[in-house]
Amino acid sequence: MLVSVIIPVYNSENTIHRCIESVVISLERVTKDYEIICVDDGSTDNSLRLLNEIASNNPKIVVVHQDNAGAATARNKGLELAKGEYIAFNDSDDEWLENHFEVLLEVFKKYPEIDCLSGNHEIEKQKTQFLTPIDENLFKTSLKSQLLKNYFSPQNSMLKHTVWESGIKFSSGMRYAEEGFFFNWITKEHNACFINQKVSQSILHKQRFGESGLSGNLKAMEQGELFNIHYAYKNFGISWHFYIFAKCFSLAKYIRRILIVKIRNIKGNTNA
């Protein structure tokens, strides 16, 4: 099988159909050799019923149910079941752009040494000052660059099955910043790259932080990010000096996010 796509689902009855449809459209521009593994994480709305209805019309869609344990556990469950040479992800409130899979697969074919690749979510371009250029719009990442700025998110990333086989997985005990933990580990052990091109977007066009959902809890997000930095210091061999710098840089970003949310709320109240 060419590719497995893993989608954790929790209370997404209003977005799950569009989420899955976008993945199917993107995949079938290139191949029919795929599977989509949807892991319902104990939804209390109609998500599971809708997933079963969607799967009844497409045998390539697999639906798995688990008690609520968080997105990290759901993604690990999907990884355990995945059969594809490549593994990709989506979130149940996000959609792939039509050329999502084609863009990422072409880079893998051109650079077979790459193990993991990510594009942009929501934005067309972003600053790449911490990365090493390889080709136009393609950059090599490193553990240090990843600790300073998270260029990877599941919904816009794809990796070779061999990465999962090497023992790397999401930290099931984490509810915040578990994505950073996963991709930090990958950049430490494997050849990970970033293509500065938009490949996915939010269905509801939520802000990247400061709104509802897990991304809305800025303090918990920051605690998770600081944990990841500390874990990298203890386990991945970053220096003491870089550890302190990365923590200070993270705290500065945290303060900036708080200010952005406050200004956004003030403007919202003024326009109301």
C-alpha atoms as a PDB file:
ATOM      1  CA  MET A   1       0.000   0.000   0.000  1.00  0.00           C
ATOM      2  CA  LEU A   2       1.297   3.456  -0.897  1.00  0.00           C
ATOM      3  CA  VAL A   3      -0.074   5.623   1.905  1.00  0.00           C
ATOM      4  CA  SER A   4      -2.039   5.488   5.151  1.00  0.00           C
ATOM      5  CA  VAL A   5      -3.740   8.642   6.449  1.00  0.00           C
ATOM      6  CA  ILE A   6      -4.523   8.824  10.179  1.00  0.00           C
ATOM      7  CA  ILE A   7      -7.285  11.110  11.471  1.00  0.00           C
ATOM      8  CA  PRO A   8      -8.038  11.366  15.221  1.00  0.00           C
ATOM      9  CA  VAL A   9     -11.656  12.422  15.738  1.00  0.00           C
ATOM     10  CA  TYR A  10     -13.298  13.987  18.765  1.00  0.00           C
ATOM     11  CA  ASN A  11     -16.715  15.716  18.625  1.00  0.00           C
ATOM     12  CA  SER A  12     -16.285  16.832  15.025  1.00  0.00           C
ATOM     13  CA  GLU A  13     -19.735  16.175  13.591  1.00  0.00           C
ATOM     14  CA  ASN A  14     -19.746  19.557  11.809  1.00  0.00           C
ATOM     15  CA  THR A  15     -16.397  19.137  10.047  1.00  0.00           C
ATOM     16  CA  ILE A  16     -15.564  15.443   9.685  1.00  0.00           C
ATOM     17  CA  HIS A  17     -17.269  14.937   6.314  1.00  0.00           C
ATOM     18  CA  ARG A  18     -15.379  17.831   4.727  1.00  0.00           C
ATOM     19  CA  CYS A  19     -12.152  16.715   6.416  1.00  0.00           C
ATOM     20  CA  ILE A  20     -12.301  13.199   4.970  1.00  0.00           C
ATOM     21  CA  GLU A  21     -13.584  14.361   1.590  1.00  0.00           C
ATOM     22  CA  SER A  22     -10.597  16.688   1.178  1.00  0.00           C
ATOM     23  CA  VAL A  23      -8.204  13.814   1.901  1.00  0.00           C
ATOM     24  CA  VAL A  24      -9.917  11.491  -0.582  1.00  0.00           C
ATOM     25  CA  ILE A  25      -9.884  14.142  -3.320  1.00  0.00           C
ATOM     26  CA  SER A  26      -6.184  14.889  -2.755  1.00  0.00           C
ATOM     27  CA  LEU A  27      -5.166  11.217  -2.683  1.00  0.00           C
ATOM     28  CA  GLU A  28      -7.166  10.166  -5.729  1.00  0.00           C
ATOM     29  CA  ARG A  29      -5.492  12.808  -7.886  1.00  0.00           C
ATOM     30  CA  VAL A  30      -2.435  10.557  -7.555  1.00  0.00           C
ATOM     31  CA  THR A  31      -3.406   7.047  -6.457  1.00  0.00           C
ATOM     32  CA  LYS A  32      -6.147   4.692  -5.333  1.00  0.00           C
ATOM     33  CA  ASP A  33      -3.679   2.670  -3.288  1.00  0.00           C
ATOM     34  CA  TYR A  34      -4.449   4.167   0.115  1.00  0.00           C
ATOM     35  CA  GLU A  35      -6.289   3.751   3.393  1.00  0.00           C
ATOM     36  CA  ILE A  36      -7.772   6.341   5.754  1.00  0.00           C
ATOM     37  CA  ILE A  37      -7.773   5.321   9.413  1.00  0.00           C
ATOM     38  CA  CYS A  38     -10.219   7.363  11.501  1.00  0.00           C
ATOM     39  CA  VAL A  39      -9.805   6.889  15.252  1.00  0.00           C
ATOM     40  CA  ASP A  40     -12.817   8.125  17.203  1.00  0.00           C
ATOM     41  CA  ASP A  41     -11.548   9.299  20.588  1.00  0.00           C
ATOM     42  CA  GLY A  42     -14.703   8.750  22.620  1.00  0.00           C
ATOM     43  CA  SER A  43     -16.826  11.380  20.883  1.00  0.00           C
ATOM     44  CA  THR A  44     -20.062  12.322  22.650  1.00  0.00           C
ATOM     45  CA  ASP A  45     -21.739  13.847  19.585  1.00  0.00           C
ATOM     46  CA  ASN A  46     -22.665  12.186  16.269  1.00  0.00           C
ATOM     47  CA  SER A  47     -19.080  11.859  15.020  1.00  0.00           C
ATOM     48  CA  LEU A  48     -18.867   8.071  15.328  1.00  0.00           C
ATOM     49  CA  ARG A  49     -22.193   7.545  13.578  1.00  0.00           C
ATOM     50  CA  LEU A  50     -21.129   9.851  10.751  1.00  0.00           C
ATOM     51  CA  LEU A  51     -17.777   8.087  10.437  1.00  0.00           C
ATOM     52  CA  ASN A  52     -19.503   4.735  10.075  1.00  0.00           C
ATOM     53  CA  GLU A  53     -21.837   6.171   7.438  1.00  0.00           C
ATOM     54  CA  ILE A  54     -18.917   7.617   5.462  1.00  0.00           C
ATOM     55  CA  ALA A  55     -16.963   4.354   5.739  1.00  0.00           C
ATOM     56  CA  SER A  56     -19.949   2.341   4.501  1.00  0.00           C
ATOM     57  CA  ASN A  57     -19.589   4.161   1.164  1.00  0.00           C
ATOM     58  CA  ASN A  58     -15.812   3.853   0.903  1.00  0.00           C
ATOM     59  CA  PRO A  59     -14.077   0.559   1.760  1.00  0.00           C
ATOM     60  CA  LYS A  60     -10.734   2.364   1.988  1.00  0.00           C
ATOM     61  CA  ILE A  61     -11.892   4.108   5.181  1.00  0.00           C
ATOM     62  CA  VAL A  62     -11.310   2.246   8.453  1.00  0.00           C
ATOM     63  CA  VAL A  63     -13.101   3.390  11.626  1.00  0.00           C
ATOM     64  CA  VAL A  64     -11.701   2.577  15.066  1.00  0.00           C
ATOM     65  CA  HIS A  65     -13.245   3.595  18.384  1.00  0.00           C
ATOM     66  CA  GLN A  66     -11.475   4.117  21.698  1.00  0.00           C
ATOM     67  CA  ASP A  67     -12.418   5.613  25.051  1.00  0.00           C
ATOM     68  CA  ASN A  68     -11.392   9.248  25.304  1.00  0.00           C
ATOM     69  CA  ALA A  69      -7.617   9.308  25.779  1.00  0.00           C
ATOM     70  CA  GLY A  70      -6.459  12.254  23.682  1.00  0.00           C
ATOM     71  CA  ALA A  71      -5.171  12.847  20.168  1.00  0.00           C
ATOM     72  CA  ALA A  72      -1.718  11.408  20.907  1.00  0.00           C
ATOM     73  CA  THR A  73      -3.151   8.019  21.893  1.00  0.00           C
ATOM     74  CA  ALA A  74      -5.513   8.087  18.906  1.00  0.00           C
ATOM     75  CA  ARG A  75      -2.658   8.791  16.488  1.00  0.00           C
ATOM     76  CA  ASN A  76      -0.570   5.991  18.026  1.00  0.00           C
ATOM     77  CA  LYS A  77      -3.508   3.625  17.531  1.00  0.00           C
ATOM     78  CA  GLY A  78      -3.628   4.659  13.880  1.00  0.00           C
ATOM     79  CA  LEU A  79       0.122   4.167  13.524  1.00  0.00           C
ATOM     80  CA  GLU A  80      -0.194   0.630  14.884  1.00  0.00           C
ATOM     81  CA  LEU A  81      -2.724  -0.179  12.149  1.00  0.00           C
ATOM     82  CA  ALA A  82      -1.111   1.691   9.241  1.00  0.00           C
ATOM     83  CA  LYS A  83       0.076  -0.423   6.313  1.00  0.00           C
ATOM     84  CA  GLY A  84       1.241   2.296   3.923  1.00  0.00           C
ATOM     85  CA  GLU A  85       4.765   2.933   2.735  1.00  0.00           C
ATOM     86  CA  TYR A  86       4.061   6.530   3.710  1.00  0.00           C
ATOM     87  CA  ILE A  87       2.029   7.781   6.656  1.00  0.00           C
ATOM     88  CA  ALA A  88       0.197  11.109   6.631  1.00  0.00           C
ATOM     89  CA  PHE A  89      -2.196  12.774   9.043  1.00  0.00           C
ATOM     90  CA  ASN A  90      -5.120  15.133   9.171  1.00  0.00           C
ATOM     91  CA  ASP A  91      -7.058  16.645  12.048  1.00  0.00           C
ATOM     92  CA  SER A  92     -10.823  16.323  12.061  1.00  0.00           C
ATOM     93  CA  ASP A  93     -11.391  20.097  11.839  1.00  0.00           C
ATOM     94  CA  ASP A  94      -8.845  20.664   9.056  1.00  0.00           C
ATOM     95  CA  GLU A  95      -8.846  20.013   5.321  1.00  0.00           C
ATOM     96  CA  TRP A  96      -6.121  19.185   2.831  1.00  0.00           C
ATOM     97  CA  LEU A  97      -5.663  21.354  -0.212  1.00  0.00           C
ATOM     98  CA  GLU A  98      -6.314  19.499  -3.442  1.00  0.00           C
ATOM     99  CA  ASN A  99      -2.597  19.193  -4.292  1.00  0.00           C
ATOM    100  CA  HIS A 100      -1.526  18.308  -0.719  1.00  0.00           C
ATOM    101  CA  PHE A 101      -0.511  14.692  -1.329  1.00  0.00           C
ATOM    102  CA  GLU A 102       0.911  15.358  -4.788  1.00  0.00           C
ATOM    103  CA  VAL A 103       3.219  18.121  -3.495  1.00  0.00           C
ATOM    104  CA  LEU A 104       4.614  16.065  -0.614  1.00  0.00           C
ATOM    105  CA  LEU A 105       4.987  12.833  -2.614  1.00  0.00           C
ATOM    106  CA  GLU A 106       6.891  14.591  -5.414  1.00  0.00           C
ATOM    107  CA  VAL A 107       9.454  15.856  -2.892  1.00  0.00           C
ATOM    108  CA  PHE A 108       9.901  12.362  -1.461  1.00  0.00           C
ATOM    109  CA  LYS A 109      10.444  10.977  -4.951  1.00  0.00           C
ATOM    110  CA  LYS A 110      12.946  13.686  -5.858  1.00  0.00           C
ATOM    111  CA  TYR A 111      14.822  13.354  -2.555  1.00  0.00           C
ATOM    112  CA  PRO A 112      14.533   9.703  -1.448  1.00  0.00           C
ATOM    113  CA  GLU A 113      16.851  10.369   1.485  1.00  0.00           C
ATOM    114  CA  ILE A 114      14.111  12.418   3.197  1.00  0.00           C
ATOM    115  CA  ASP A 115      12.270  10.538   5.978  1.00  0.00           C
ATOM    116  CA  CYS A 116       9.745  13.158   7.072  1.00  0.00           C
ATOM    117  CA  LEU A 117       8.348  16.217   5.300  1.00  0.00           C
ATOM    118  CA  SER A 118       6.015  19.026   6.301  1.00  0.00           C
ATOM    119  CA  GLY A 119       4.403  21.970   4.544  1.00  0.00           C
ATOM    120  CA  ASN A 120       2.483  25.023   5.739  1.00  0.00           C
ATOM    121  CA  HIS A 121      -0.883  25.089   7.465  1.00  0.00           C
ATOM    122  CA  GLU A 122      -3.123  28.129   6.837  1.00  0.00           C
ATOM    123  CA  ILE A 123      -0.304  30.419   5.681  1.00  0.00           C
ATOM    124  CA  GLU A 124       1.302  30.562   2.231  1.00  0.00           C
ATOM    125  CA  LYS A 125       4.843  31.313   3.397  1.00  0.00           C
ATOM    126  CA  GLN A 126       6.648  31.610   6.690  1.00  0.00           C
ATOM    127  CA  LYS A 127      10.063  32.725   7.884  1.00  0.00           C
ATOM    128  CA  THR A 128      12.767  30.071   7.607  1.00  0.00           C
ATOM    129  CA  GLN A 129      15.648  31.776   9.409  1.00  0.00           C
ATOM    130  CA  PHE A 130      16.477  28.680  11.480  1.00  0.00           C
ATOM    131  CA  LEU A 131      16.575  26.270   8.526  1.00  0.00           C
ATOM    132  CA  THR A 132      19.166  25.186   5.950  1.00  0.00           C
ATOM    133  CA  PRO A 133      18.056  25.665   2.305  1.00  0.00           C
ATOM    134  CA  ILE A 134      18.196  22.634  -0.001  1.00  0.00           C
ATOM    135  CA  ASP A 135      16.219  23.789  -3.025  1.00  0.00           C
ATOM    136  CA  GLU A 136      13.652  26.442  -3.845  1.00  0.00           C
ATOM    137  CA  ASN A 137      11.135  26.400  -0.968  1.00  0.00           C
ATOM    138  CA  LEU A 138      12.703  23.222   0.499  1.00  0.00           C
ATOM    139  CA  PHE A 139      14.695  23.350   3.740  1.00  0.00           C
ATOM    140  CA  LYS A 140      16.518  20.931   6.026  1.00  0.00           C
ATOM    141  CA  THR A 141      15.394  21.022   9.636  1.00  0.00           C
ATOM    142  CA  SER A 142      17.286  20.028  12.752  1.00  0.00           C
ATOM    143  CA  LEU A 143      16.444  19.368  16.380  1.00  0.00           C
ATOM    144  CA  LYS A 144      17.672  22.841  17.340  1.00  0.00           C
ATOM    145  CA  SER A 145      15.596  24.589  14.669  1.00  0.00           C
ATOM    146  CA  GLN A 146      12.553  22.549  15.693  1.00  0.00           C
ATOM    147  CA  LEU A 147      12.980  23.482  19.363  1.00  0.00           C
ATOM    148  CA  LEU A 148      13.028  27.171  18.466  1.00  0.00           C
ATOM    149  CA  LYS A 149      10.088  27.029  16.046  1.00  0.00           C
ATOM    150  CA  ASN A 150       7.759  24.119  15.351  1.00  0.00           C
ATOM    151  CA  TYR A 151       7.680  23.769  11.569  1.00  0.00           C
ATOM    152  CA  PHE A 152       5.776  20.470  11.757  1.00  0.00           C
ATOM    153  CA  SER A 153       2.105  19.784  12.423  1.00  0.00           C
ATOM    154  CA  PRO A 154       0.404  16.433  11.760  1.00  0.00           C
ATOM    155  CA  GLN A 155      -2.173  17.789   9.303  1.00  0.00           C
ATOM    156  CA  ASN A 156       0.518  19.025   6.913  1.00  0.00           C
ATOM    157  CA  SER A 157       3.148  16.310   7.400  1.00  0.00           C
ATOM    158  CA  MET A 158       4.021  12.956   5.867  1.00  0.00           C
ATOM    159  CA  LEU A 159       6.649  10.420   6.899  1.00  0.00           C
ATOM    160  CA  LYS A 160       7.986   7.076   5.799  1.00  0.00           C
ATOM    161  CA  HIS A 161       6.678   4.006   7.597  1.00  0.00           C
ATOM    162  CA  THR A 162      10.284   3.257   8.584  1.00  0.00           C
ATOM    163  CA  VAL A 163      10.164   6.251  10.963  1.00  0.00           C
ATOM    164  CA  TRP A 164       7.364   4.590  12.926  1.00  0.00           C
ATOM    165  CA  GLU A 165       9.179   1.266  12.755  1.00  0.00           C
ATOM    166  CA  SER A 166      12.202   2.892  14.433  1.00  0.00           C
ATOM    167  CA  GLY A 167      10.151   3.234  17.624  1.00  0.00           C
ATOM    168  CA  ILE A 168       9.116   6.887  17.421  1.00  0.00           C
ATOM    169  CA  LYS A 169       5.566   7.618  18.572  1.00  0.00           C
ATOM    170  CA  PHE A 170       3.446  10.311  20.175  1.00  0.00           C
ATOM    171  CA  SER A 171       3.651  10.699  23.954  1.00  0.00           C
ATOM    172  CA  SER A 172       0.296   9.300  25.111  1.00  0.00           C
ATOM    173  CA  GLY A 173       0.520  11.092  28.457  1.00  0.00           C
ATOM    174  CA  MET A 174       0.585  14.533  26.845  1.00  0.00           C
ATOM    175  CA  ARG A 175      -2.517  16.567  25.992  1.00  0.00           C
ATOM    176  CA  TYR A 176      -0.613  19.674  24.898  1.00  0.00           C
ATOM    177  CA  ALA A 177       2.463  20.027  22.657  1.00  0.00           C
ATOM    178  CA  GLU A 178       2.485  16.266  21.989  1.00  0.00           C
ATOM    179  CA  GLU A 179       2.976  17.076  18.319  1.00  0.00           C
ATOM    180  CA  GLY A 180       6.168  18.946  19.123  1.00  0.00           C
ATOM    181  CA  PHE A 181       7.407  15.981  21.154  1.00  0.00           C
ATOM    182  CA  PHE A 182       6.825  13.621  18.209  1.00  0.00           C
ATOM    183  CA  PHE A 183       8.489  15.782  15.571  1.00  0.00           C
ATOM    184  CA  ASN A 184      11.381  16.797  17.861  1.00  0.00           C
ATOM    185  CA  TRP A 185      12.180  13.104  18.177  1.00  0.00           C
ATOM    186  CA  ILE A 186      11.993  12.659  14.413  1.00  0.00           C
ATOM    187  CA  THR A 187      14.332  15.587  13.700  1.00  0.00           C
ATOM    188  CA  LYS A 188      16.809  14.107  16.190  1.00  0.00           C
ATOM    189  CA  GLU A 189      16.838  10.624  14.651  1.00  0.00           C
ATOM    190  CA  HIS A 190      15.867  11.103  10.991  1.00  0.00           C
ATOM    191  CA  ASN A 191      16.254  13.326   7.944  1.00  0.00           C
ATOM    192  CA  ALA A 192      13.365  15.798   8.235  1.00  0.00           C
ATOM    193  CA  CYS A 193      12.622  18.638   5.826  1.00  0.00           C
ATOM    194  CA  PHE A 194      10.156  21.484   5.379  1.00  0.00           C
ATOM    195  CA  ILE A 195       8.596  22.763   2.171  1.00  0.00           C
ATOM    196  CA  ASN A 196       7.485  26.372   2.441  1.00  0.00           C
ATOM    197  CA  GLN A 197       4.158  25.894   0.677  1.00  0.00           C
ATOM    198  CA  LYS A 198       0.607  25.824   2.003  1.00  0.00           C
ATOM    199  CA  VAL A 199      -0.909  22.326   1.903  1.00  0.00           C
ATOM    200  CA  SER A 200      -3.684  22.418   4.521  1.00  0.00           C
ATOM    201  CA  GLN A 201      -6.084  24.792   6.237  1.00  0.00           C
ATOM    202  CA  SER A 202      -8.610  24.977   9.041  1.00  0.00           C
ATOM    203  CA  ILE A 203     -12.189  24.277   7.980  1.00  0.00           C
ATOM    204  CA  LEU A 204     -13.498  26.772  10.522  1.00  0.00           C
ATOM    205  CA  HIS A 205     -10.558  29.135   9.921  1.00  0.00           C
ATOM    206  CA  LYS A 206      -9.672  29.265  13.592  1.00  0.00           C
ATOM    207  CA  GLN A 207      -6.699  31.275  14.791  1.00  0.00           C
ATOM    208  CA  ARG A 208      -3.550  29.221  15.364  1.00  0.00           C
ATOM    209  CA  PHE A 209      -3.792  29.863  19.108  1.00  0.00           C
ATOM    210  CA  GLY A 210      -6.091  31.569  21.599  1.00  0.00           C
ATOM    211  CA  GLU A 211      -9.395  30.100  20.411  1.00  0.00           C
ATOM    212  CA  SER A 212     -11.448  27.067  21.410  1.00  0.00           C
ATOM    213  CA  GLY A 213      -9.965  23.587  21.519  1.00  0.00           C
ATOM    214  CA  LEU A 214      -6.618  22.436  22.826  1.00  0.00           C
ATOM    215  CA  SER A 215      -4.765  25.272  21.108  1.00  0.00           C
ATOM    216  CA  GLY A 216      -6.793  27.765  23.142  1.00  0.00           C
ATOM    217  CA  ASN A 217      -5.040  27.001  26.438  1.00  0.00           C
ATOM    218  CA  LEU A 218      -1.911  29.102  26.076  1.00  0.00           C
ATOM    219  CA  LYS A 219      -0.499  28.302  29.523  1.00  0.00           C
ATOM    220  CA  ALA A 220      -0.808  24.547  29.064  1.00  0.00           C
ATOM    221  CA  MET A 221       0.671  24.822  25.570  1.00  0.00           C
ATOM    222  CA  GLU A 222       3.659  26.667  26.991  1.00  0.00           C
ATOM    223  CA  GLN A 223       4.117  24.117  29.771  1.00  0.00           C
ATOM    224  CA  GLY A 224       4.115  21.376  27.138  1.00  0.00           C
ATOM    225  CA  GLU A 225       6.666  23.211  25.022  1.00  0.00           C
ATOM    226  CA  LEU A 226       8.954  23.765  28.013  1.00  0.00           C
ATOM    227  CA  PHE A 227       8.644  20.051  28.853  1.00  0.00           C
ATOM    228  CA  ASN A 228       9.736  19.190  25.309  1.00  0.00           C
ATOM    229  CA  ILE A 229      12.777  21.459  25.596  1.00  0.00           C
ATOM    230  CA  HIS A 230      13.719  19.921  28.940  1.00  0.00           C
ATOM    231  CA  TYR A 231      13.222  16.418  27.523  1.00  0.00           C
ATOM    232  CA  ALA A 232      15.523  17.260  24.613  1.00  0.00           C
ATOM    233  CA  TYR A 233      18.166  18.480  27.062  1.00  0.00           C
ATOM    234  CA  LYS A 234      17.946  15.314  29.160  1.00  0.00           C
ATOM    235  CA  ASN A 235      17.607  12.796  26.328  1.00  0.00           C
ATOM    236  CA  PHE A 236      18.707  14.277  22.999  1.00  0.00           C
ATOM    237  CA  GLY A 237      22.046  15.802  23.946  1.00  0.00           C
ATOM    238  CA  ILE A 238      21.473  19.540  23.419  1.00  0.00           C
ATOM    239  CA  SER A 239      23.933  21.717  25.317  1.00  0.00           C
ATOM    240  CA  TRP A 240      23.166  23.555  28.559  1.00  0.00           C
ATOM    241  CA  HIS A 241      23.649  26.914  26.835  1.00  0.00           C
ATOM    242  CA  PHE A 242      21.201  26.071  24.053  1.00  0.00           C
ATOM    243  CA  TYR A 243      18.765  24.664  26.615  1.00  0.00           C
ATOM    244  CA  ILE A 244      18.667  27.979  28.485  1.00  0.00           C
ATOM    245  CA  PHE A 245      18.423  29.956  25.245  1.00  0.00           C
ATOM    246  CA  ALA A 246      15.568  27.777  23.962  1.00  0.00           C
ATOM    247  CA  LYS A 247      13.635  28.151  27.242  1.00  0.00           C
ATOM    248  CA  CYS A 248      14.001  31.945  27.203  1.00  0.00           C
ATOM    249  CA  PHE A 249      13.028  32.063  23.531  1.00  0.00           C
ATOM    250  CA  SER A 250       9.948  29.959  24.249  1.00  0.00           C
ATOM    251  CA  LEU A 251       8.886  32.190  27.132  1.00  0.00           C
ATOM    252  CA  ALA A 252       9.294  35.259  24.912  1.00  0.00           C
ATOM    253  CA  LYS A 253       7.014  33.653  22.313  1.00  0.00           C
ATOM    254  CA  TYR A 254       4.513  32.859  25.073  1.00  0.00           C
ATOM    255  CA  ILE A 255       4.379  36.492  26.194  1.00  0.00           C
ATOM    256  CA  ARG A 256       3.953  37.578  22.577  1.00  0.00           C
ATOM    257  CA  ARG A 257       1.028  35.166  22.113  1.00  0.00           C
ATOM    258  CA  ILE A 258      -0.689  36.504  25.232  1.00  0.00           C
ATOM    259  CA  LEU A 259      -0.358  40.066  23.929  1.00  0.00           C
ATOM    260  CA  ILE A 260      -1.675  39.058  20.497  1.00  0.00           C
ATOM    261  CA  VAL A 261      -4.737  37.397  22.037  1.00  0.00           C
ATOM    262  CA  LYS A 262      -5.420  40.413  24.279  1.00  0.00           C
ATOM    263  CA  ILE A 263      -5.193  42.808  21.320  1.00  0.00           C
ATOM    264  CA  ARG A 264      -7.371  40.504  19.224  1.00  0.00           C
ATOM    265  CA  ASN A 265     -10.012  40.417  21.987  1.00  0.00           C
ATOM    266  CA  ILE A 266      -9.935  44.200  22.375  1.00  0.00           C
ATOM    267  CA  LYS A 267     -10.430  44.672  18.657  1.00  0.00           C
ATOM    268  CA  GLY A 268     -13.231  42.107  18.680  1.00  0.00           C
ATOM    269  CA  ASN A 269     -15.031  43.909  21.491  1.00  0.00           C
ATOM    270  CA  THR A 270     -14.574  47.232  19.724  1.00  0.00           C
ATOM    271  CA  ASN A 271     -16.060  45.893  16.488  1.00  0.00           C
ATOM    272  CA  ALA A 272     -18.962  44.186  18.235  1.00  0.00           C
END
